[in-house]
Amino acid sequence: MDAQNKSEKNLFITAAEVSALMGVSKAYAYRIIKKLNDELESKGYLVIAGKTSLKYFNERIYGKE
């Protein structure tokens, strides 16, 4: 794994990872990511479809930074 992929892995969480962590279907994980990305976009952040910020995911889902 090169440096770019490793740093991206630390910044973003994918639908497959959300599905596994939360015990939900992959389709539902995509809906969660869409909601989080919509929130981030409304705050002026750029988002990537199908992935969301790992930091923001942890803040919104688990209430921790």
PDB file of N, CA and C in Angstrom:
ATOM      1  N   MET A   1       0.859  -1.179   0.000  1.00  0.00           N
ATOM      2  CA  MET A   1       0.000   0.000   0.000  1.00  0.00           C
ATOM      3  C   MET A   1       0.901   1.236   0.000  1.00  0.00           C
ATOM      4  N   ASP A   2       0.670   2.134  -0.950  1.00  0.00           N
ATOM      5  CA  ASP A   2       1.512   3.320  -0.995  1.00  0.00           C
ATOM      6  C   ASP A   2       1.024   4.376  -0.014  1.00  0.00           C
ATOM      7  N   ALA A   3       1.805   5.440   0.142  1.00  0.00           N
ATOM      8  CA  ALA A   3       1.515   6.471   1.147  1.00  0.00           C
ATOM      9  C   ALA A   3       0.170   7.144   0.915  1.00  0.00           C
ATOM     10  N   GLN A   4      -0.188   7.370  -0.353  1.00  0.00           N
ATOM     11  CA  GLN A   4      -1.460   8.039  -0.637  1.00  0.00           C
ATOM     12  C   GLN A   4      -2.641   7.176  -0.201  1.00  0.00           C
ATOM     13  N   ASN A   5      -2.627   5.904  -0.524  1.00  0.00           N
ATOM     14  CA  ASN A   5      -3.721   5.015  -0.119  1.00  0.00           C
ATOM     15  C   ASN A   5      -3.792   4.872   1.389  1.00  0.00           C
ATOM     16  N   LYS A   6      -2.642   4.836   2.053  1.00  0.00           N
ATOM     17  CA  LYS A   6      -2.624   4.703   3.508  1.00  0.00           C
ATOM     18  C   LYS A   6      -3.226   5.942   4.170  1.00  0.00           C
ATOM     19  N   SER A   7      -2.879   7.143   3.680  1.00  0.00           N
ATOM     20  CA  SER A   7      -3.421   8.356   4.282  1.00  0.00           C
ATOM     21  C   SER A   7      -4.908   8.483   3.981  1.00  0.00           C
ATOM     22  N   GLU A   8      -5.335   8.067   2.790  1.00  0.00           N
ATOM     23  CA  GLU A   8      -6.757   8.088   2.457  1.00  0.00           C
ATOM     24  C   GLU A   8      -7.519   7.135   3.358  1.00  0.00           C
ATOM     25  N   LYS A   9      -6.946   5.990   3.649  1.00  0.00           N
ATOM     26  CA  LYS A   9      -7.579   4.998   4.509  1.00  0.00           C
ATOM     27  C   LYS A   9      -7.834   5.567   5.904  1.00  0.00           C
ATOM     28  N   ASN A  10      -6.948   6.429   6.368  1.00  0.00           N
ATOM     29  CA  ASN A  10      -7.108   7.028   7.683  1.00  0.00           C
ATOM     30  C   ASN A  10      -8.103   8.175   7.685  1.00  0.00           C
ATOM     31  N   LEU A  11      -8.408   8.739   6.535  1.00  0.00           N
ATOM     32  CA  LEU A  11      -9.295   9.893   6.456  1.00  0.00           C
ATOM     33  C   LEU A  11     -10.750   9.541   6.173  1.00  0.00           C
ATOM     34  N   PHE A  12     -10.975   8.458   5.446  1.00  0.00           N
ATOM     35  CA  PHE A  12     -12.317   8.131   4.984  1.00  0.00           C
ATOM     36  C   PHE A  12     -12.752   6.745   5.430  1.00  0.00           C
ATOM     37  N   ILE A  13     -14.078   6.585   5.513  1.00  0.00           N
ATOM     38  CA  ILE A  13     -14.673   5.283   5.799  1.00  0.00           C
ATOM     39  C   ILE A  13     -15.626   4.965   4.653  1.00  0.00           C
ATOM     40  N   THR A  14     -15.619   3.716   4.220  1.00  0.00           N
ATOM     41  CA  THR A  14     -16.441   3.294   3.092  1.00  0.00           C
ATOM     42  C   THR A  14     -17.743   2.649   3.577  1.00  0.00           C
ATOM     43  N   ALA A  15     -18.644   2.433   2.642  1.00  0.00           N
ATOM     44  CA  ALA A  15     -19.923   1.797   2.969  1.00  0.00           C
ATOM     45  C   ALA A  15     -19.715   0.386   3.513  1.00  0.00           C
ATOM     46  N   ALA A  16     -18.761  -0.338   2.960  1.00  0.00           N
ATOM     47  CA  ALA A  16     -18.494  -1.694   3.451  1.00  0.00           C
ATOM     48  C   ALA A  16     -18.044  -1.656   4.910  1.00  0.00           C
ATOM     49  N   GLU A  17     -17.213  -0.684   5.257  1.00  0.00           N
ATOM     50  CA  GLU A  17     -16.740  -0.560   6.637  1.00  0.00           C
ATOM     51  C   GLU A  17     -17.853  -0.112   7.575  1.00  0.00           C
ATOM     52  N   VAL A  18     -18.689   0.826   7.123  1.00  0.00           N
ATOM     53  CA  VAL A  18     -19.833   1.270   7.930  1.00  0.00           C
ATOM     54  C   VAL A  18     -20.773   0.092   8.165  1.00  0.00           C
ATOM     55  N   SER A  19     -21.033  -0.684   7.116  1.00  0.00           N
ATOM     56  CA  SER A  19     -21.902  -1.852   7.214  1.00  0.00           C
ATOM     57  C   SER A  19     -21.389  -2.834   8.257  1.00  0.00           C
ATOM     58  N   ALA A  20     -20.104  -3.123   8.218  1.00  0.00           N
ATOM     59  CA  ALA A  20     -19.507  -4.077   9.161  1.00  0.00           C
ATOM     60  C   ALA A  20     -19.510  -3.534  10.585  1.00  0.00           C
ATOM     61  N   LEU A  21     -19.166  -2.268  10.755  1.00  0.00           N
ATOM     62  CA  LEU A  21     -19.104  -1.675  12.094  1.00  0.00           C
ATOM     63  C   LEU A  21     -20.472  -1.581  12.767  1.00  0.00           C
ATOM     64  N   MET A  22     -21.488  -1.232  11.977  1.00  0.00           N
ATOM     65  CA  MET A  22     -22.806  -0.975  12.547  1.00  0.00           C
ATOM     66  C   MET A  22     -23.754  -2.160  12.430  1.00  0.00           C
ATOM     67  N   GLY A  23     -23.348  -3.196  11.710  1.00  0.00           N
ATOM     68  CA  GLY A  23     -24.211  -4.360  11.551  1.00  0.00           C
ATOM     69  C   GLY A  23     -25.453  -4.069  10.733  1.00  0.00           C
ATOM     70  N   VAL A  24     -25.301  -3.243   9.697  1.00  0.00           N
ATOM     71  CA  VAL A  24     -26.424  -2.899   8.823  1.00  0.00           C
ATOM     72  C   VAL A  24     -26.075  -3.344   7.403  1.00  0.00           C
ATOM     73  N   SER A  25     -27.086  -3.335   6.541  1.00  0.00           N
ATOM     74  CA  SER A  25     -26.840  -3.716   5.149  1.00  0.00           C
ATOM     75  C   SER A  25     -25.971  -2.661   4.468  1.00  0.00           C
ATOM     76  N   LYS A  26     -25.358  -3.060   3.381  1.00  0.00           N
ATOM     77  CA  LYS A  26     -24.525  -2.124   2.632  1.00  0.00           C
ATOM     78  C   LYS A  26     -25.379  -0.981   2.063  1.00  0.00           C
ATOM     79  N   ALA A  27     -26.612  -1.299   1.654  1.00  0.00           N
ATOM     80  CA  ALA A  27     -27.511  -0.259   1.134  1.00  0.00           C
ATOM     81  C   ALA A  27     -27.810   0.790   2.209  1.00  0.00           C
ATOM     82  N   TYR A  28     -28.048   0.331   3.425  1.00  0.00           N
ATOM     83  CA  TYR A  28     -28.321   1.276   4.517  1.00  0.00           C
ATOM     84  C   TYR A  28     -27.060   2.067   4.858  1.00  0.00           C
ATOM     85  N   ALA A  29     -25.908   1.426   4.774  1.00  0.00           N
ATOM     86  CA  ALA A  29     -24.640   2.127   5.025  1.00  0.00           C
ATOM     87  C   ALA A  29     -24.458   3.270   4.024  1.00  0.00           C
ATOM     88  N   TYR A  30     -24.833   3.037   2.769  1.00  0.00           N
ATOM     89  CA  TYR A  30     -24.751   4.105   1.769  1.00  0.00           C
ATOM     90  C   TYR A  30     -25.685   5.256   2.119  1.00  0.00           C
ATOM     91  N   ARG A  31     -26.853   4.961   2.670  1.00  0.00           N
ATOM     92  CA  ARG A  31     -27.776   6.036   3.079  1.00  0.00           C
ATOM     93  C   ARG A  31     -27.193   6.841   4.231  1.00  0.00           C
ATOM     94  N   ILE A  32     -26.526   6.169   5.170  1.00  0.00           N
ATOM     95  CA  ILE A  32     -25.872   6.865   6.284  1.00  0.00           C
ATOM     96  C   ILE A  32     -24.779   7.775   5.747  1.00  0.00           C
ATOM     97  N   ILE A  33     -23.958   7.249   4.847  1.00  0.00           N
ATOM     98  CA  ILE A  33     -22.875   8.049   4.260  1.00  0.00           C
ATOM     99  C   ILE A  33     -23.449   9.246   3.510  1.00  0.00           C
ATOM    100  N   LYS A  34     -24.524   9.043   2.768  1.00  0.00           N
ATOM    101  CA  LYS A  34     -25.163  10.151   2.039  1.00  0.00           C
ATOM    102  C   LYS A  34     -25.628  11.229   2.994  1.00  0.00           C
ATOM    103  N   LYS A  35     -26.239  10.847   4.096  1.00  0.00           N
ATOM    104  CA  LYS A  35     -26.712  11.825   5.081  1.00  0.00           C
ATOM    105  C   LYS A  35     -25.535  12.601   5.677  1.00  0.00           C
ATOM    106  N   LEU A  36     -24.487  11.891   6.067  1.00  0.00           N
ATOM    107  CA  LEU A  36     -23.320  12.562   6.636  1.00  0.00           C
ATOM    108  C   LEU A  36     -22.666  13.480   5.613  1.00  0.00           C
ATOM    109  N   ASN A  37     -22.556  13.017   4.365  1.00  0.00           N
ATOM    110  CA  ASN A  37     -21.963  13.857   3.329  1.00  0.00           C
ATOM    111  C   ASN A  37     -22.813  15.085   3.040  1.00  0.00           C
ATOM    112  N   ASP A  38     -24.140  14.946   3.077  1.00  0.00           N
ATOM    113  CA  ASP A  38     -25.018  16.106   2.903  1.00  0.00           C
ATOM    114  C   ASP A  38     -24.785  17.133   4.006  1.00  0.00           C
ATOM    115  N   GLU A  39     -24.627  16.659   5.242  1.00  0.00           N
ATOM    116  CA  GLU A  39     -24.347  17.556   6.363  1.00  0.00           C
ATOM    117  C   GLU A  39     -23.008  18.270   6.159  1.00  0.00           C
ATOM    118  N   LEU A  40     -21.994  17.527   5.764  1.00  0.00           N
ATOM    119  CA  LEU A  40     -20.674  18.118   5.530  1.00  0.00           C
ATOM    120  C   LEU A  40     -20.716  19.121   4.386  1.00  0.00           C
ATOM    121  N   GLU A  41     -21.426  18.779   3.323  1.00  0.00           N
ATOM    122  CA  GLU A  41     -21.523  19.666   2.164  1.00  0.00           C
ATOM    123  C   GLU A  41     -22.221  20.976   2.527  1.00  0.00           C
ATOM    124  N   SER A  42     -23.234  20.892   3.386  1.00  0.00           N
ATOM    125  CA  SER A  42     -23.941  22.102   3.802  1.00  0.00           C
ATOM    126  C   SER A  42     -23.053  23.010   4.659  1.00  0.00           C
ATOM    127  N   LYS A  43     -21.995  22.429   5.231  1.00  0.00           N
ATOM    128  CA  LYS A  43     -21.025  23.204   6.012  1.00  0.00           C
ATOM    129  C   LYS A  43     -19.878  23.710   5.143  1.00  0.00           C
ATOM    130  N   GLY A  44     -19.938  23.413   3.839  1.00  0.00           N
ATOM    131  CA  GLY A  44     -18.936  23.923   2.920  1.00  0.00           C
ATOM    132  C   GLY A  44     -17.789  22.980   2.612  1.00  0.00           C
ATOM    133  N   TYR A  45     -17.861  21.740   3.073  1.00  0.00           N
ATOM    134  CA  TYR A  45     -16.802  20.774   2.803  1.00  0.00           C
ATOM    135  C   TYR A  45     -17.035  20.072   1.470  1.00  0.00           C
ATOM    136  N   LEU A  46     -15.956  19.673   0.830  1.00  0.00           N
ATOM    137  CA  LEU A  46     -16.052  18.824  -0.354  1.00  0.00           C
ATOM    138  C   LEU A  46     -16.242  17.392   0.116  1.00  0.00           C
ATOM    139  N   VAL A  47     -17.035  16.635  -0.602  1.00  0.00           N
ATOM    140  CA  VAL A  47     -17.306  15.252  -0.208  1.00  0.00           C
ATOM    141  C   VAL A  47     -17.030  14.318  -1.375  1.00  0.00           C
ATOM    142  N   ILE A  48     -16.834  13.054  -1.066  1.00  0.00           N
ATOM    143  CA  ILE A  48     -16.616  12.008  -2.056  1.00  0.00           C
ATOM    144  C   ILE A  48     -17.766  11.021  -1.928  1.00  0.00           C
ATOM    145  N   ALA A  49     -18.469  10.782  -3.004  1.00  0.00           N
ATOM    146  CA  ALA A  49     -19.594   9.853  -2.986  1.00  0.00           C
ATOM    147  C   ALA A  49     -19.111   8.458  -2.599  1.00  0.00           C
ATOM    148  N   GLY A  50     -19.857   7.805  -1.716  1.00  0.00           N
ATOM    149  CA  GLY A  50     -19.524   6.447  -1.310  1.00  0.00           C
ATOM    150  C   GLY A  50     -18.539   6.348  -0.171  1.00  0.00           C
ATOM    151  N   LYS A  51     -17.999   7.484   0.256  1.00  0.00           N
ATOM    152  CA  LYS A  51     -17.072   7.540   1.389  1.00  0.00           C
ATOM    153  C   LYS A  51     -17.433   8.768   2.208  1.00  0.00           C
ATOM    154  N   THR A  52     -17.083   8.748   3.474  1.00  0.00           N
ATOM    155  CA  THR A  52     -17.267   9.931   4.288  1.00  0.00           C
ATOM    156  C   THR A  52     -16.076  10.065   5.228  1.00  0.00           C
ATOM    157  N   SER A  53     -15.961  11.225   5.818  1.00  0.00           N
ATOM    158  CA  SER A  53     -14.871  11.495   6.749  1.00  0.00           C
ATOM    159  C   SER A  53     -14.968  10.566   7.955  1.00  0.00           C
ATOM    160  N   LEU A  54     -13.884   9.864   8.241  1.00  0.00           N
ATOM    161  CA  LEU A  54     -13.854   8.973   9.400  1.00  0.00           C
ATOM    162  C   LEU A  54     -14.030   9.771  10.689  1.00  0.00           C
ATOM    163  N   LYS A  55     -13.412  10.928  10.756  1.00  0.00           N
ATOM    164  CA  LYS A  55     -13.526  11.773  11.948  1.00  0.00           C
ATOM    165  C   LYS A  55     -14.988  12.206  12.156  1.00  0.00           C
ATOM    166  N   TYR A  56     -15.646  12.666  11.091  1.00  0.00           N
ATOM    167  CA  TYR A  56     -17.033  13.114  11.213  1.00  0.00           C
ATOM    168  C   TYR A  56     -17.955  11.936  11.534  1.00  0.00           C
ATOM    169  N   PHE A  57     -17.698  10.791  10.933  1.00  0.00           N
ATOM    170  CA  PHE A  57     -18.476   9.587  11.239  1.00  0.00           C
ATOM    171  C   PHE A  57     -18.406   9.279  12.735  1.00  0.00           C
ATOM    172  N   ASN A  58     -17.199   9.282  13.286  1.00  0.00           N
ATOM    173  CA  ASN A  58     -17.034   8.999  14.715  1.00  0.00           C
ATOM    174  C   ASN A  58     -17.738  10.035  15.586  1.00  0.00           C
ATOM    175  N   GLU A  59     -17.675  11.298  15.192  1.00  0.00           N
ATOM    176  CA  GLU A  59     -18.348  12.355  15.960  1.00  0.00           C
ATOM    177  C   GLU A  59     -19.869  12.160  15.955  1.00  0.00           C
ATOM    178  N   ARG A  60     -20.442  11.905  14.778  1.00  0.00           N
ATOM    179  CA  ARG A  60     -21.887  11.822  14.641  1.00  0.00           C
ATOM    180  C   ARG A  60     -22.463  10.492  15.147  1.00  0.00           C
ATOM    181  N   ILE A  61     -21.760   9.408  14.941  1.00  0.00           N
ATOM    182  CA  ILE A  61     -22.298   8.102  15.306  1.00  0.00           C
ATOM    183  C   ILE A  61     -21.959   7.739  16.744  1.00  0.00           C
ATOM    184  N   TYR A  62     -20.742   7.965  17.136  1.00  0.00           N
ATOM    185  CA  TYR A  62     -20.297   7.550  18.462  1.00  0.00           C
ATOM    186  C   TYR A  62     -20.163   8.691  19.444  1.00  0.00           C
ATOM    187  N   GLY A  63     -20.300   9.932  18.982  1.00  0.00           N
ATOM    188  CA  GLY A  63     -20.213  11.082  19.874  1.00  0.00           C
ATOM    189  C   GLY A  63     -18.811  11.355  20.393  1.00  0.00           C
ATOM    190  N   LYS A  64     -17.802  10.926  19.633  1.00  0.00           N
ATOM    191  CA  LYS A  64     -16.427  11.183  20.061  1.00  0.00           C
ATOM    192  C   LYS A  64     -15.620  11.674  18.877  1.00  0.00           C
ATOM    193  N   GLU A  65     -14.533  12.342  19.177  1.00  0.00           N
ATOM    194  CA  GLU A  65     -13.650  12.859  18.116  1.00  0.00           C
ATOM    195  C   GLU A  65     -12.492  11.944  17.894  1.00  0.00           C
TER     196      GLU A  65
END
